[in-house]
N, C-alpha and C. Protein backbone atom coordinates (compact mmCIF):
# COMPACT_ATOMS: atom_id res chain seq x y z
N MET A 1 49.21 14.44 2.40
CA MET A 1 47.82 14.83 1.84
C MET A 1 47.11 15.71 2.81
N THR A 2 46.52 16.79 2.05
CA THR A 2 46.18 17.68 3.09
C THR A 2 44.65 17.67 3.59
N ASP A 3 44.66 18.63 4.60
CA ASP A 3 43.09 18.46 5.19
C ASP A 3 41.98 18.26 4.45
N GLN A 4 42.19 19.44 3.31
CA GLN A 4 41.44 19.37 2.48
C GLN A 4 40.95 18.09 1.66
N GLY A 5 41.91 17.85 1.06
CA GLY A 5 41.96 16.54 0.47
C GLY A 5 41.40 14.84 0.87
N SER A 6 42.01 15.20 2.47
CA SER A 6 41.59 14.35 3.26
C SER A 6 39.61 14.09 3.43
N SER A 7 39.51 15.75 3.58
CA SER A 7 37.91 15.74 3.77
C SER A 7 37.24 15.35 2.53
N SER A 8 37.89 15.86 1.25
CA SER A 8 36.96 15.36 0.09
C SER A 8 37.10 13.81 -0.21
N VAL A 9 38.14 12.75 0.64
CA VAL A 9 38.32 11.42 0.41
C VAL A 9 37.13 10.95 1.27
N GLU A 10 37.08 11.36 2.35
CA GLU A 10 36.11 10.90 3.36
C GLU A 10 34.58 11.13 3.08
N PHE A 11 34.60 12.23 2.70
CA PHE A 11 33.13 12.69 1.64
C PHE A 11 32.66 11.57 0.73
N LEU A 12 33.93 11.42 -0.09
CA LEU A 12 33.37 10.47 -1.14
C LEU A 12 33.04 8.77 -0.75
N LEU A 13 33.76 8.65 0.28
CA LEU A 13 33.52 7.30 1.26
C LEU A 13 32.30 7.33 1.69
N VAL A 14 31.63 8.28 2.61
CA VAL A 14 30.54 8.27 3.20
C VAL A 14 29.52 8.19 2.44
N LEU A 15 29.52 9.08 1.44
CA LEU A 15 28.33 9.43 0.41
C LEU A 15 27.15 8.24 -0.11
N PRO A 16 28.17 7.40 -0.50
CA PRO A 16 27.27 5.95 -0.67
C PRO A 16 26.87 5.54 0.34
N ALA A 17 26.82 5.32 1.82
CA ALA A 17 26.09 4.89 2.50
C ALA A 17 24.78 5.98 3.22
N VAL A 18 25.42 7.40 2.87
CA VAL A 18 24.15 8.35 3.06
C VAL A 18 23.04 8.23 1.97
N LEU A 19 23.39 7.97 0.61
CA LEU A 19 22.27 7.81 -0.16
C LEU A 19 21.60 6.47 -0.10
N LEU A 20 22.29 5.17 0.05
CA LEU A 20 21.68 4.16 0.43
C LEU A 20 20.53 4.31 1.37
N LEU A 21 21.41 5.06 2.76
CA LEU A 21 20.02 5.19 3.85
C LEU A 21 18.83 6.03 3.35
N LEU A 22 19.15 7.09 2.46
CA LEU A 22 18.17 8.00 2.18
C LEU A 22 17.31 7.07 1.02
N ALA A 23 17.63 6.23 0.71
CA ALA A 23 17.03 5.27 -0.80
C ALA A 23 16.23 4.18 0.28
N VAL A 24 16.64 3.69 1.16
CA VAL A 24 15.72 2.72 2.49
C VAL A 24 14.77 3.68 3.04
N VAL A 25 14.77 4.86 3.17
CA VAL A 25 14.22 5.54 4.01
C VAL A 25 12.92 5.93 3.07
N VAL A 26 13.09 6.67 2.04
CA VAL A 26 12.08 6.57 1.22
C VAL A 26 11.33 5.68 0.45
N GLU A 27 11.69 4.38 0.28
CA GLU A 27 11.30 3.13 -0.18
C GLU A 27 10.17 2.73 1.22
N THR A 28 10.73 2.90 2.35
CA THR A 28 9.90 2.87 3.55
C THR A 28 8.74 3.52 3.59
N GLY A 29 8.93 4.56 3.24
CA GLY A 29 7.77 5.45 3.47
C GLY A 29 6.53 5.29 2.32
N GLY A 30 7.08 4.66 1.10
CA GLY A 30 6.60 4.28 -0.17
C GLY A 30 5.47 3.08 0.55
N LEU A 31 6.49 2.19 1.04
CA LEU A 31 5.57 1.02 1.53
C LEU A 31 4.30 1.14 2.01
N VAL A 32 4.83 1.92 3.59
CA VAL A 32 3.80 2.07 4.63
C VAL A 32 2.67 3.10 3.78
N ARG A 33 2.81 4.05 3.01
CA ARG A 33 1.69 4.63 2.22
C ARG A 33 0.99 3.85 1.40
N SER A 34 1.62 2.81 0.84
CA SER A 34 0.67 1.86 0.03
C SER A 34 -0.11 0.97 0.87
N HIS A 35 0.38 0.50 2.31
CA HIS A 35 -0.13 -0.38 2.83
C HIS A 35 -1.27 0.29 3.46
N LEU A 36 -1.19 1.63 3.77
CA LEU A 36 -2.44 2.46 4.72
C LEU A 36 -3.30 2.63 3.64
N LEU A 37 -2.90 2.69 2.27
CA LEU A 37 -3.80 3.04 1.08
C LEU A 37 -4.67 1.63 0.87
N ALA A 38 -4.20 0.55 1.11
CA ALA A 38 -4.56 -0.57 0.91
C ALA A 38 -5.63 -1.01 2.02
N LEU A 39 -5.04 -0.56 3.21
CA LEU A 39 -5.94 -0.69 4.61
C LEU A 39 -7.24 0.35 4.34
N THR A 40 -6.98 1.22 4.33
CA THR A 40 -8.23 2.14 3.97
C THR A 40 -9.33 1.87 2.86
N ALA A 41 -8.60 1.40 1.88
CA ALA A 41 -9.83 0.62 0.70
C ALA A 41 -10.61 -0.57 1.29
N ALA A 42 -9.72 -1.41 2.01
CA ALA A 42 -10.20 -2.43 2.47
C ALA A 42 -11.34 -2.13 3.61
N ARG A 43 -11.04 -1.08 4.66
CA ARG A 43 -12.05 -0.69 5.46
C ARG A 43 -13.42 -0.02 4.89
N GLU A 44 -13.07 0.78 3.82
CA GLU A 44 -14.03 1.69 2.97
C GLU A 44 -14.85 0.26 2.11
N GLY A 45 -14.18 -0.35 1.76
CA GLY A 45 -15.14 -1.71 0.79
C GLY A 45 -15.77 -2.21 1.87
N ALA A 46 -15.43 -2.88 3.26
CA ALA A 46 -16.10 -3.51 4.28
C ALA A 46 -17.51 -2.63 4.75
N ARG A 47 -17.33 -1.47 4.76
CA ARG A 47 -18.40 -0.67 5.36
C ARG A 47 -19.37 -0.36 4.21
N VAL A 48 -19.01 -0.69 2.85
CA VAL A 48 -20.12 -0.30 2.09
C VAL A 48 -20.55 -1.66 2.08
N ALA A 49 -20.05 -2.82 1.99
CA ALA A 49 -20.41 -4.10 1.99
C ALA A 49 -21.66 -4.59 2.86
N ALA A 50 -21.42 -4.09 3.79
CA ALA A 50 -22.24 -4.31 5.20
C ALA A 50 -23.51 -3.45 5.03
N MET A 51 -23.63 -2.51 4.51
CA MET A 51 -24.87 -1.52 4.09
C MET A 51 -25.69 -1.89 2.79
N ALA A 52 -24.52 -1.72 1.73
CA ALA A 52 -25.21 -1.86 0.48
C ALA A 52 -25.63 -3.45 0.28
N SER A 53 -26.44 -3.62 -0.77
CA SER A 53 -27.27 -4.67 -1.11
C SER A 53 -26.41 -5.30 -2.37
N ASP A 54 -25.18 -4.30 -3.01
CA ASP A 54 -24.93 -5.20 -4.11
C ASP A 54 -23.22 -5.28 -4.01
N ALA A 55 -22.44 -5.78 -4.31
CA ALA A 55 -20.95 -6.08 -4.11
C ALA A 55 -20.07 -4.65 -5.26
N ASP A 56 -20.86 -4.37 -6.31
CA ASP A 56 -20.41 -3.58 -7.07
C ASP A 56 -20.16 -2.33 -6.41
N ALA A 57 -20.85 -2.20 -5.72
CA ALA A 57 -21.15 -0.68 -4.44
C ALA A 57 -19.50 -0.50 -3.85
N ALA A 58 -19.85 -1.73 -3.26
CA ALA A 58 -18.49 -2.17 -2.56
C ALA A 58 -17.27 -1.89 -3.15
N LEU A 59 -17.29 -2.75 -4.31
CA LEU A 59 -15.65 -2.78 -5.13
C LEU A 59 -15.24 -1.37 -5.39
N ASN A 60 -16.63 -0.37 -5.84
CA ASN A 60 -16.26 0.59 -6.31
C ASN A 60 -15.68 1.56 -5.32
N ALA A 61 -16.14 1.51 -3.96
CA ALA A 61 -15.95 2.48 -2.77
C ALA A 61 -14.37 1.69 -2.63
N ALA A 62 -13.91 0.74 -2.47
CA ALA A 62 -12.65 0.19 -2.31
C ALA A 62 -11.60 0.90 -3.48
N ARG A 63 -12.42 0.87 -4.72
CA ARG A 63 -11.33 1.52 -5.75
C ARG A 63 -11.14 2.76 -5.62
N SER A 64 -11.79 3.45 -5.18
CA SER A 64 -11.86 4.83 -5.32
C SER A 64 -10.98 5.47 -4.10
N ARG A 65 -10.39 4.47 -3.21
CA ARG A 65 -9.91 5.05 -1.96
C ARG A 65 -8.52 4.57 -2.35
N LEU A 66 -7.73 3.53 -3.55
CA LEU A 66 -7.01 3.22 -4.02
C LEU A 66 -6.03 4.41 -4.52
N GLY A 67 -6.87 5.20 -5.24
CA GLY A 67 -6.38 6.25 -6.26
C GLY A 67 -5.30 5.74 -7.25
N ALA A 68 -3.91 5.83 -7.68
CA ALA A 68 -3.38 5.51 -8.70
C ALA A 68 -3.03 3.75 -8.49
N LEU A 69 -3.00 3.50 -7.33
CA LEU A 69 -2.62 2.17 -6.96
C LEU A 69 -4.14 1.14 -7.30
N SER A 70 -5.26 1.85 -8.03
CA SER A 70 -6.24 0.87 -8.10
C SER A 70 -5.84 0.01 -9.55
N ASP A 71 -5.14 0.52 -10.16
CA ASP A 71 -4.80 -0.10 -11.90
C ASP A 71 -4.02 -1.47 -11.40
N SER A 72 -3.36 -2.19 -10.23
CA SER A 72 -2.61 -3.17 -10.22
C SER A 72 -3.64 -3.75 -8.90
N ALA A 73 -4.32 -3.25 -8.11
CA ALA A 73 -5.39 -3.62 -7.42
C ALA A 73 -6.09 -4.85 -7.45
N ARG A 74 -6.20 -5.90 -6.60
CA ARG A 74 -6.98 -7.35 -6.52
C ARG A 74 -7.76 -6.64 -5.60
N ILE A 75 -9.20 -7.01 -5.63
CA ILE A 75 -10.39 -6.81 -4.58
C ILE A 75 -11.07 -7.65 -4.50
N ARG A 76 -10.98 -8.50 -3.49
CA ARG A 76 -12.00 -9.77 -3.10
C ARG A 76 -13.16 -9.32 -2.02
N ILE A 77 -14.12 -9.84 -2.61
CA ILE A 77 -15.54 -9.39 -1.64
C ILE A 77 -16.04 -10.97 -1.04
N ASP A 78 -16.22 -10.95 0.08
CA ASP A 78 -17.02 -11.98 0.77
C ASP A 78 -17.97 -11.61 1.52
N ARG A 79 -19.13 -11.73 1.40
CA ARG A 79 -20.38 -11.54 2.24
C ARG A 79 -21.40 -12.61 2.49
N GLN A 80 -21.55 -12.59 3.58
CA GLN A 80 -22.77 -13.46 4.21
C GLN A 80 -23.95 -12.19 3.73
N TRP A 81 -24.83 -12.88 3.32
CA TRP A 81 -25.98 -12.14 2.84
C TRP A 81 -27.25 -12.25 3.95
N VAL A 82 -27.12 -12.10 5.15
CA VAL A 82 -28.08 -12.30 6.48
C VAL A 82 -27.24 -11.23 7.31
N PRO A 83 -28.59 -10.40 8.00
CA PRO A 83 -28.21 -9.44 9.18
C PRO A 83 -27.18 -10.21 10.11
N GLY A 84 -26.18 -9.63 10.74
CA GLY A 84 -25.59 -10.19 11.48
C GLY A 84 -24.21 -11.17 11.54
N GLY A 85 -24.80 -11.23 9.50
CA GLY A 85 -23.20 -12.17 8.98
C GLY A 85 -22.08 -10.95 8.51
N THR A 86 -21.18 -11.24 8.24
CA THR A 86 -19.90 -10.48 7.70
C THR A 86 -19.48 -10.44 6.64
N ALA A 87 -19.11 -9.27 6.41
CA ALA A 87 -18.70 -8.79 5.04
C ALA A 87 -17.31 -8.58 4.98
N THR A 88 -16.12 -9.23 4.32
CA THR A 88 -14.97 -8.95 4.43
C THR A 88 -14.27 -8.52 3.13
N VAL A 89 -13.58 -7.83 3.27
CA VAL A 89 -12.65 -7.08 1.78
C VAL A 89 -11.22 -7.46 1.85
N GLU A 90 -10.73 -7.75 0.81
CA GLU A 90 -9.23 -8.20 1.21
C GLU A 90 -8.53 -7.31 -0.40
N VAL A 91 -7.78 -6.56 0.23
CA VAL A 91 -6.97 -6.01 -1.12
C VAL A 91 -5.56 -6.09 -1.19
N GLU A 92 -5.32 -6.36 -2.18
CA GLU A 92 -4.13 -6.77 -2.48
C GLU A 92 -3.02 -5.91 -3.77
N VAL A 93 -2.41 -4.89 -3.33
CA VAL A 93 -1.58 -3.87 -4.37
C VAL A 93 -0.64 -4.50 -4.72
N ARG A 94 0.37 -4.03 -5.56
CA ARG A 94 1.47 -4.41 -5.98
C ARG A 94 2.39 -3.19 -5.83
N HIS A 95 3.26 -3.10 -5.01
CA HIS A 95 4.38 -1.79 -5.02
C HIS A 95 5.53 -1.99 -5.58
N PRO A 96 6.02 -1.29 -6.39
CA PRO A 96 7.40 -1.63 -7.29
C PRO A 96 8.55 -0.96 -6.02
N LEU A 97 9.39 -1.89 -5.89
CA LEU A 97 10.19 -1.44 -4.70
C LEU A 97 11.66 -1.00 -5.70
N PHE A 98 12.29 0.14 -5.22
CA PHE A 98 13.37 0.98 -6.01
C PHE A 98 13.05 0.94 -7.24
N ALA A 99 11.97 1.70 -7.26
CA ALA A 99 11.16 2.00 -8.93
C ALA A 99 12.23 3.19 -9.30
N LEU A 100 12.34 4.13 -8.90
CA LEU A 100 13.18 5.44 -8.88
C LEU A 100 14.33 4.93 -9.50
N ALA A 101 14.95 3.67 -9.06
CA ALA A 101 16.21 3.43 -9.38
C ALA A 101 16.22 2.79 -10.70
N GLY A 102 15.20 2.18 -11.32
CA GLY A 102 14.93 1.42 -12.48
C GLY A 102 14.75 0.18 -12.16
N GLY A 103 14.84 -0.28 -10.96
CA GLY A 103 14.58 -1.60 -10.07
C GLY A 103 13.30 -2.24 -10.44
N GLY A 104 12.26 -1.55 -9.83
CA GLY A 104 11.02 -2.00 -9.92
C GLY A 104 10.77 -3.39 -9.65
N LEU A 105 11.34 -3.93 -8.44
CA LEU A 105 10.85 -5.20 -7.82
C LEU A 105 9.83 -5.19 -7.33
N PRO A 106 9.02 -5.94 -7.69
CA PRO A 106 7.39 -5.87 -7.16
C PRO A 106 7.01 -6.43 -5.88
N VAL A 107 6.41 -5.89 -4.87
CA VAL A 107 6.09 -6.47 -3.61
C VAL A 107 4.70 -6.15 -3.58
N ASP A 108 4.28 -7.46 -3.38
CA ASP A 108 2.49 -7.67 -3.08
C ASP A 108 1.96 -6.93 -1.49
N ILE A 109 1.31 -6.15 -1.41
CA ILE A 109 0.84 -5.70 -0.30
C ILE A 109 -0.38 -6.26 0.04
N ARG A 110 -1.28 -7.08 1.16
CA ARG A 110 -2.43 -7.47 1.66
C ARG A 110 -3.13 -6.61 2.62
N ALA A 111 -4.04 -6.38 2.59
CA ALA A 111 -4.90 -5.80 3.90
C ALA A 111 -6.54 -6.30 3.77
N ARG A 112 -6.69 -6.64 4.86
CA ARG A 112 -8.22 -7.31 5.18
C ARG A 112 -8.97 -6.36 6.12
N ALA A 113 -10.03 -6.40 5.93
CA ALA A 113 -10.95 -5.99 6.95
C ALA A 113 -12.55 -6.49 6.59
N ALA A 114 -13.03 -6.35 7.98
CA ALA A 114 -14.37 -7.32 7.93
C ALA A 114 -15.55 -6.34 8.99
N SER A 115 -16.46 -6.04 8.54
CA SER A 115 -17.47 -5.65 9.13
C SER A 115 -18.80 -6.38 9.01
N ILE A 116 -19.39 -6.26 10.24
CA ILE A 116 -20.79 -6.95 10.50
C ILE A 116 -22.20 -6.58 9.39
N VAL A 117 -22.79 -7.47 8.63
CA VAL A 117 -23.83 -7.11 7.91
C VAL A 117 -25.12 -6.49 8.47
N GLU A 118 -25.46 -5.11 8.26
CA GLU A 118 -26.60 -4.24 8.68
C GLU A 118 -28.11 -4.88 8.25
N ARG A 119 -28.35 -5.29 7.00
CA ARG A 119 -29.06 -5.35 6.28
C ARG A 119 -29.42 -6.65 5.48
């Protein structure tokens, strides 16, 4: 076997591992992005829920932070309607794992934030 032939064989043996590693890195980035979006939405929803007098404003604020994930999101708002109480917002989004490969295994990502009610 020539050196060029052995290099080709070695490349073909290593290529699947490199592609798998690349796919894992891309999916990890997607999961982190989805988690950060959910966390940002929960924080914004809790902030608005603590200041606004209706839950719809908090719901809309949280949804606006989710962007494309807002279609699959479940948002729960729990607020004590007295000053000094807490406003808690929980956001759950569904992230499809390996969607680029056609898999689409769904993973639920949850984030929760709380804020003290001001009025």
